[in-house]
Amino acid sequence: ISQKNIQIFDLLFLHVVLENQKEKEATSMDSENVKENEATYNLPQFSLRTVEGATDKFSRSNKLGEGGYGPVYK
């Protein structure tokens, strides 16, 4: 293996490590924001049973579309 190949491998490895670190930091920030928003806005929480009843157990006929966080039901 040449020195050039080792350098390329090192750069790729560093890139992967840095990307993983960014993802972990973003996830951590998202978790903190969720906790902060829950405390700030006092949003209602619904049980799975309530949501299943409202969507007819996530029936396709009640599906409006897909959002960034998954399916959206009426």
PDB file of N, CA and C in Angstrom:
ATOM      1  N   ILE A   1       0.857  -1.171   0.000  1.00  0.00           N
ATOM      2  CA  ILE A   1       0.000   0.000   0.000  1.00  0.00           C
ATOM      3  C   ILE A   1       0.900   1.231   0.000  1.00  0.00           C
ATOM      4  N   SER A   2       0.563   2.150  -0.874  1.00  0.00           N
ATOM      5  CA  SER A   2       1.395   3.352  -0.980  1.00  0.00           C
ATOM      6  C   SER A   2       1.020   4.378   0.084  1.00  0.00           C
ATOM      7  N   GLN A   3       1.908   5.320   0.283  1.00  0.00           N
ATOM      8  CA  GLN A   3       1.678   6.408   1.244  1.00  0.00           C
ATOM      9  C   GLN A   3       0.450   7.225   0.837  1.00  0.00           C
ATOM     10  N   LYS A   4       0.271   7.402  -0.467  1.00  0.00           N
ATOM     11  CA  LYS A   4      -0.866   8.175  -0.967  1.00  0.00           C
ATOM     12  C   LYS A   4      -2.177   7.470  -0.604  1.00  0.00           C
ATOM     13  N   ASN A   5      -2.237   6.147  -0.751  1.00  0.00           N
ATOM     14  CA  ASN A   5      -3.440   5.393  -0.400  1.00  0.00           C
ATOM     15  C   ASN A   5      -3.737   5.502   1.093  1.00  0.00           C
ATOM     16  N   ILE A   6      -2.720   5.468   1.902  1.00  0.00           N
ATOM     17  CA  ILE A   6      -2.896   5.585   3.354  1.00  0.00           C
ATOM     18  C   ILE A   6      -3.451   6.966   3.700  1.00  0.00           C
ATOM     19  N   GLN A   7      -2.938   7.997   3.047  1.00  0.00           N
ATOM     20  CA  GLN A   7      -3.425   9.352   3.303  1.00  0.00           C
ATOM     21  C   GLN A   7      -4.893   9.492   2.900  1.00  0.00           C
ATOM     22  N   ILE A   8      -5.258   8.911   1.761  1.00  0.00           N
ATOM     23  CA  ILE A   8      -6.655   8.969   1.308  1.00  0.00           C
ATOM     24  C   ILE A   8      -7.545   8.235   2.308  1.00  0.00           C
ATOM     25  N   PHE A   9      -7.116   7.063   2.750  1.00  0.00           N
ATOM     26  CA  PHE A   9      -7.881   6.307   3.737  1.00  0.00           C
ATOM     27  C   PHE A   9      -8.045   7.117   5.019  1.00  0.00           C
ATOM     28  N   ASP A  10      -6.974   7.744   5.472  1.00  0.00           N
ATOM     29  CA  ASP A  10      -7.035   8.561   6.689  1.00  0.00           C
ATOM     30  C   ASP A  10      -8.043   9.703   6.544  1.00  0.00           C
ATOM     31  N   LEU A  11      -8.059  10.359   5.392  1.00  0.00           N
ATOM     32  CA  LEU A  11      -8.994  11.454   5.157  1.00  0.00           C
ATOM     33  C   LEU A  11     -10.441  10.952   5.139  1.00  0.00           C
ATOM     34  N   LEU A  12     -10.670   9.810   4.497  1.00  0.00           N
ATOM     35  CA  LEU A  12     -12.016   9.246   4.471  1.00  0.00           C
ATOM     36  C   LEU A  12     -12.475   8.853   5.868  1.00  0.00           C
ATOM     37  N   PHE A  13     -11.581   8.241   6.623  1.00  0.00           N
ATOM     38  CA  PHE A  13     -11.910   7.837   7.992  1.00  0.00           C
ATOM     39  C   PHE A  13     -12.248   9.059   8.836  1.00  0.00           C
ATOM     40  N   LEU A  14     -11.459  10.109   8.723  1.00  0.00           N
ATOM     41  CA  LEU A  14     -11.705  11.338   9.467  1.00  0.00           C
ATOM     42  C   LEU A  14     -13.055  11.936   9.072  1.00  0.00           C
ATOM     43  N   HIS A  15     -13.366  11.910   7.795  1.00  0.00           N
ATOM     44  CA  HIS A  15     -14.643  12.428   7.316  1.00  0.00           C
ATOM     45  C   HIS A  15     -15.804  11.660   7.951  1.00  0.00           C
ATOM     46  N   VAL A  16     -15.733  10.342   7.968  1.00  0.00           N
ATOM     47  CA  VAL A  16     -16.786   9.519   8.559  1.00  0.00           C
ATOM     48  C   VAL A  16     -16.932   9.814  10.048  1.00  0.00           C
ATOM     49  N   VAL A  17     -15.830   9.914  10.755  1.00  0.00           N
ATOM     50  CA  VAL A  17     -15.867  10.200  12.196  1.00  0.00           C
ATOM     51  C   VAL A  17     -16.515  11.563  12.449  1.00  0.00           C
ATOM     52  N   LEU A  18     -16.149  12.561  11.675  1.00  0.00           N
ATOM     53  CA  LEU A  18     -16.705  13.909  11.861  1.00  0.00           C
ATOM     54  C   LEU A  18     -18.197  13.942  11.534  1.00  0.00           C
ATOM     55  N   GLU A  19     -18.625  13.232  10.497  1.00  0.00           N
ATOM     56  CA  GLU A  19     -20.044  13.188  10.147  1.00  0.00           C
ATOM     57  C   GLU A  19     -20.848  12.511  11.248  1.00  0.00           C
ATOM     58  N   ASN A  20     -20.323  11.432  11.807  1.00  0.00           N
ATOM     59  CA  ASN A  20     -21.007  10.745  12.910  1.00  0.00           C
ATOM     60  C   ASN A  20     -21.125  11.661  14.121  1.00  0.00           C
ATOM     61  N   GLN A  21     -20.090  12.415  14.392  1.00  0.00           N
ATOM     62  CA  GLN A  21     -20.107  13.338  15.527  1.00  0.00           C
ATOM     63  C   GLN A  21     -21.166  14.422  15.307  1.00  0.00           C
ATOM     64  N   LYS A  22     -21.268  14.932  14.081  1.00  0.00           N
ATOM     65  CA  LYS A  22     -22.276  15.943  13.764  1.00  0.00           C
ATOM     66  C   LYS A  22     -23.681  15.392  13.992  1.00  0.00           C
ATOM     67  N   GLU A  23     -23.913  14.149  13.549  1.00  0.00           N
ATOM     68  CA  GLU A  23     -25.229  13.534  13.713  1.00  0.00           C
ATOM     69  C   GLU A  23     -25.568  13.365  15.189  1.00  0.00           C
ATOM     70  N   LYS A  24     -24.598  12.942  15.991  1.00  0.00           N
ATOM     71  CA  LYS A  24     -24.834  12.765  17.423  1.00  0.00           C
ATOM     72  C   LYS A  24     -25.160  14.096  18.083  1.00  0.00           C
ATOM     73  N   GLU A  25     -24.440  15.146  17.709  1.00  0.00           N
ATOM     74  CA  GLU A  25     -24.692  16.469  18.281  1.00  0.00           C
ATOM     75  C   GLU A  25     -26.072  16.971  17.877  1.00  0.00           C
ATOM     76  N   ALA A  26     -26.465  16.747  16.617  1.00  0.00           N
ATOM     77  CA  ALA A  26     -27.781  17.184  16.141  1.00  0.00           C
ATOM     78  C   ALA A  26     -28.880  16.445  16.883  1.00  0.00           C
ATOM     79  N   THR A  27     -28.716  15.143  17.087  1.00  0.00           N
ATOM     80  CA  THR A  27     -29.708  14.352  17.811  1.00  0.00           C
ATOM     81  C   THR A  27     -29.828  14.833  19.246  1.00  0.00           C
ATOM     82  N   SER A  28     -28.711  15.118  19.863  1.00  0.00           N
ATOM     83  CA  SER A  28     -28.715  15.611  21.233  1.00  0.00           C
ATOM     84  C   SER A  28     -29.440  16.945  21.313  1.00  0.00           C
ATOM     85  N   MET A  29     -29.178  17.822  20.351  1.00  0.00           N
ATOM     86  CA  MET A  29     -29.831  19.125  20.339  1.00  0.00           C
ATOM     87  C   MET A  29     -31.331  18.961  20.134  1.00  0.00           C
ATOM     88  N   ASP A  30     -31.735  18.022  19.250  1.00  0.00           N
ATOM     89  CA  ASP A  30     -33.154  17.784  19.015  1.00  0.00           C
ATOM     90  C   ASP A  30     -33.840  17.319  20.291  1.00  0.00           C
ATOM     91  N   SER A  31     -33.204  16.429  21.039  1.00  0.00           N
ATOM     92  CA  SER A  31     -33.776  15.932  22.285  1.00  0.00           C
ATOM     93  C   SER A  31     -33.944  17.068  23.289  1.00  0.00           C
ATOM     94  N   GLU A  32     -32.959  17.932  23.371  1.00  0.00           N
ATOM     95  CA  GLU A  32     -33.040  19.073  24.281  1.00  0.00           C
ATOM     96  C   GLU A  32     -34.166  20.012  23.866  1.00  0.00           C
ATOM     97  N   ASN A  33     -34.321  20.245  22.562  1.00  0.00           N
ATOM     98  CA  ASN A  33     -35.381  21.119  22.069  1.00  0.00           C
ATOM     99  C   ASN A  33     -36.757  20.541  22.365  1.00  0.00           C
ATOM    100  N   VAL A  34     -36.907  19.227  22.225  1.00  0.00           N
ATOM    101  CA  VAL A  34     -38.186  18.585  22.509  1.00  0.00           C
ATOM    102  C   VAL A  34     -38.547  18.794  23.972  1.00  0.00           C
ATOM    103  N   LYS A  35     -37.603  18.554  24.876  1.00  0.00           N
ATOM    104  CA  LYS A  35     -37.862  18.743  26.304  1.00  0.00           C
ATOM    105  C   LYS A  35     -38.223  20.189  26.602  1.00  0.00           C
ATOM    106  N   GLU A  36     -37.510  21.110  25.979  1.00  0.00           N
ATOM    107  CA  GLU A  36     -37.761  22.536  26.197  1.00  0.00           C
ATOM    108  C   GLU A  36     -39.152  22.916  25.692  1.00  0.00           C
ATOM    109  N   ASN A  37     -39.514  22.416  24.502  1.00  0.00           N
ATOM    110  CA  ASN A  37     -40.822  22.733  23.935  1.00  0.00           C
ATOM    111  C   ASN A  37     -41.954  22.137  24.764  1.00  0.00           C
ATOM    112  N   GLU A  38     -41.766  20.924  25.268  1.00  0.00           N
ATOM    113  CA  GLU A  38     -42.796  20.307  26.099  1.00  0.00           C
ATOM    114  C   GLU A  38     -43.061  21.158  27.329  1.00  0.00           C
ATOM    115  N   ALA A  39     -42.014  21.655  27.934  1.00  0.00           N
ATOM    116  CA  ALA A  39     -42.164  22.473  29.137  1.00  0.00           C
ATOM    117  C   ALA A  39     -42.742  23.847  28.797  1.00  0.00           C
ATOM    118  N   THR A  40     -42.340  24.428  27.680  1.00  0.00           N
ATOM    119  CA  THR A  40     -42.761  25.772  27.309  1.00  0.00           C
ATOM    120  C   THR A  40     -44.212  25.815  26.840  1.00  0.00           C
ATOM    121  N   TYR A  41     -44.609  24.870  25.992  1.00  0.00           N
ATOM    122  CA  TYR A  41     -45.915  24.940  25.359  1.00  0.00           C
ATOM    123  C   TYR A  41     -46.966  24.044  26.007  1.00  0.00           C
ATOM    124  N   ASN A  42     -46.561  23.153  26.907  1.00  0.00           N
ATOM    125  CA  ASN A  42     -47.494  22.263  27.587  1.00  0.00           C
ATOM    126  C   ASN A  42     -48.434  21.592  26.578  1.00  0.00           C
ATOM    127  N   LEU A  43     -47.866  20.916  25.582  1.00  0.00           N
ATOM    128  CA  LEU A  43     -48.631  20.284  24.517  1.00  0.00           C
ATOM    129  C   LEU A  43     -49.367  19.054  25.038  1.00  0.00           C
ATOM    130  N   PRO A  44     -50.562  18.787  24.486  1.00  0.00           N
ATOM    131  CA  PRO A  44     -51.300  17.602  24.931  1.00  0.00           C
ATOM    132  C   PRO A  44     -50.628  16.321  24.443  1.00  0.00           C
ATOM    133  N   GLN A  45     -50.805  15.263  25.195  1.00  0.00           N
ATOM    134  CA  GLN A  45     -50.305  13.949  24.794  1.00  0.00           C
ATOM    135  C   GLN A  45     -51.494  13.016  24.661  1.00  0.00           C
ATOM    136  N   PHE A  46     -51.467  12.158  23.642  1.00  0.00           N
ATOM    137  CA  PHE A  46     -52.558  11.239  23.383  1.00  0.00           C
ATOM    138  C   PHE A  46     -52.046   9.814  23.483  1.00  0.00           C
ATOM    139  N   SER A  47     -52.859   8.935  24.018  1.00  0.00           N
ATOM    140  CA  SER A  47     -52.484   7.526  24.106  1.00  0.00           C
ATOM    141  C   SER A  47     -52.598   6.893  22.723  1.00  0.00           C
ATOM    142  N   LEU A  48     -51.926   5.775  22.551  1.00  0.00           N
ATOM    143  CA  LEU A  48     -51.997   5.043  21.290  1.00  0.00           C
ATOM    144  C   LEU A  48     -53.442   4.630  21.026  1.00  0.00           C
ATOM    145  N   ARG A  49     -54.154   4.211  22.048  1.00  0.00           N
ATOM    146  CA  ARG A  49     -55.561   3.798  21.893  1.00  0.00           C
ATOM    147  C   ARG A  49     -56.401   4.951  21.334  1.00  0.00           C
ATOM    148  N   THR A  50     -56.187   6.150  21.830  1.00  0.00           N
ATOM    149  CA  THR A  50     -56.932   7.320  21.355  1.00  0.00           C
ATOM    150  C   THR A  50     -56.621   7.615  19.898  1.00  0.00           C
ATOM    151  N   VAL A  51     -55.354   7.561  19.530  1.00  0.00           N
ATOM    152  CA  VAL A  51     -54.948   7.850  18.150  1.00  0.00           C
ATOM    153  C   VAL A  51     -55.466   6.761  17.211  1.00  0.00           C
ATOM    154  N   GLU A  52     -55.387   5.508  17.631  1.00  0.00           N
ATOM    155  CA  GLU A  52     -55.918   4.419  16.799  1.00  0.00           C
ATOM    156  C   GLU A  52     -57.419   4.592  16.577  1.00  0.00           C
ATOM    157  N   GLY A  53     -58.121   4.991  17.615  1.00  0.00           N
ATOM    158  CA  GLY A  53     -59.558   5.222  17.470  1.00  0.00           C
ATOM    159  C   GLY A  53     -59.865   6.363  16.525  1.00  0.00           C
ATOM    160  N   ALA A  54     -59.091   7.413  16.599  1.00  0.00           N
ATOM    161  CA  ALA A  54     -59.311   8.591  15.758  1.00  0.00           C
ATOM    162  C   ALA A  54     -58.957   8.340  14.295  1.00  0.00           C
ATOM    163  N   THR A  55     -58.056   7.421  14.040  1.00  0.00           N
ATOM    164  CA  THR A  55     -57.611   7.151  12.661  1.00  0.00           C
ATOM    165  C   THR A  55     -58.149   5.837  12.120  1.00  0.00           C
ATOM    166  N   ASP A  56     -59.045   5.209  12.875  1.00  0.00           N
ATOM    167  CA  ASP A  56     -59.563   3.876  12.521  1.00  0.00           C
ATOM    168  C   ASP A  56     -58.400   2.904  12.329  1.00  0.00           C
ATOM    169  N   LYS A  57     -57.555   2.854  13.362  1.00  0.00           N
ATOM    170  CA  LYS A  57     -56.353   2.003  13.390  1.00  0.00           C
ATOM    171  C   LYS A  57     -55.431   2.281  12.206  1.00  0.00           C
ATOM    172  N   PHE A  58     -55.211   3.571  11.940  1.00  0.00           N
ATOM    173  CA  PHE A  58     -54.310   4.027  10.882  1.00  0.00           C
ATOM    174  C   PHE A  58     -54.741   3.510   9.510  1.00  0.00           C
ATOM    175  N   SER A  59     -56.032   3.564   9.272  1.00  0.00           N
ATOM    176  CA  SER A  59     -56.607   3.093   8.018  1.00  0.00           C
ATOM    177  C   SER A  59     -56.077   3.903   6.843  1.00  0.00           C
ATOM    178  N   ARG A  60     -55.837   3.216   5.735  1.00  0.00           N
ATOM    179  CA  ARG A  60     -55.363   3.915   4.529  1.00  0.00           C
ATOM    180  C   ARG A  60     -56.367   4.959   4.048  1.00  0.00           C
ATOM    181  N   SER A  61     -57.641   4.713   4.282  1.00  0.00           N
ATOM    182  CA  SER A  61     -58.657   5.670   3.833  1.00  0.00           C
ATOM    183  C   SER A  61     -58.585   6.980   4.619  1.00  0.00           C
ATOM    184  N   ASN A  62     -57.959   6.963   5.790  1.00  0.00           N
ATOM    185  CA  ASN A  62     -57.803   8.181   6.588  1.00  0.00           C
ATOM    186  C   ASN A  62     -56.446   8.847   6.409  1.00  0.00           C
ATOM    187  N   LYS A  63     -55.599   8.267   5.590  1.00  0.00           N
ATOM    188  CA  LYS A  63     -54.260   8.828   5.374  1.00  0.00           C
ATOM    189  C   LYS A  63     -54.345  10.004   4.398  1.00  0.00           C
ATOM    190  N   LEU A  64     -53.809  11.150   4.828  1.00  0.00           N
ATOM    191  CA  LEU A  64     -53.809  12.341   3.975  1.00  0.00           C
ATOM    192  C   LEU A  64     -52.572  12.439   3.105  1.00  0.00           C
ATOM    193  N   GLY A  65     -51.438  11.921   3.600  1.00  0.00           N
ATOM    194  CA  GLY A  65     -50.191  12.001   2.858  1.00  0.00           C
ATOM    195  C   GLY A  65     -49.016  11.678   3.747  1.00  0.00           C
ATOM    196  N   GLU A  66     -47.827  12.058   3.283  1.00  0.00           N
ATOM    197  CA  GLU A  66     -46.586  11.824   4.020  1.00  0.00           C
ATOM    198  C   GLU A  66     -45.938  13.161   4.334  1.00  0.00           C
ATOM    199  N   GLY A  67     -45.501  13.296   5.559  1.00  0.00           N
ATOM    200  CA  GLY A  67     -44.767  14.481   5.957  1.00  0.00           C
ATOM    201  C   GLY A  67     -43.325  14.133   6.247  1.00  0.00           C
ATOM    202  N   GLY A  68     -42.570  15.074   6.708  1.00  0.00           N
ATOM    203  CA  GLY A  68     -41.169  14.857   7.031  1.00  0.00           C
ATOM    204  C   GLY A  68     -40.965  13.874   8.174  1.00  0.00           C
ATOM    205  N   TYR A  69     -41.986  13.693   9.020  1.00  0.00           N
ATOM    206  CA  TYR A  69     -41.879  12.791  10.155  1.00  0.00           C
ATOM    207  C   TYR A  69     -42.692  11.515   9.962  1.00  0.00           C
ATOM    208  N   GLY A  70     -43.295  11.338   8.794  1.00  0.00           N
ATOM    209  CA  GLY A  70     -44.049  10.119   8.528  1.00  0.00           C
ATOM    210  C   GLY A  70     -45.439  10.419   8.005  1.00  0.00           C
ATOM    211  N   PRO A  71     -46.292   9.390   8.026  1.00  0.00           N
ATOM    212  CA  PRO A  71     -47.648   9.548   7.488  1.00  0.00           C
ATOM    213  C   PRO A  71     -48.483  10.544   8.307  1.00  0.00           C
ATOM    214  N   VAL A  72     -49.420  11.198   7.602  1.00  0.00           N
ATOM    215  CA  VAL A  72     -50.330  12.167   8.218  1.00  0.00           C
ATOM    216  C   VAL A  72     -51.749  11.664   8.006  1.00  0.00           C
ATOM    217  N   TYR A  73     -52.513  11.565   9.101  1.00  0.00           N
ATOM    218  CA  TYR A  73     -53.875  11.052   9.040  1.00  0.00           C
ATOM    219  C   TYR A  73     -54.878  12.125   9.419  1.00  0.00           C
ATOM    220  N   LYS A  74     -56.107  12.004   8.869  1.00  0.00           N
ATOM    221  CA  LYS A  74     -57.173  12.921   9.265  1.00  0.00           C
ATOM    222  C   LYS A  74     -57.887  12.376  10.471  1.00  0.00           C
TER     223      LYS A  74
END
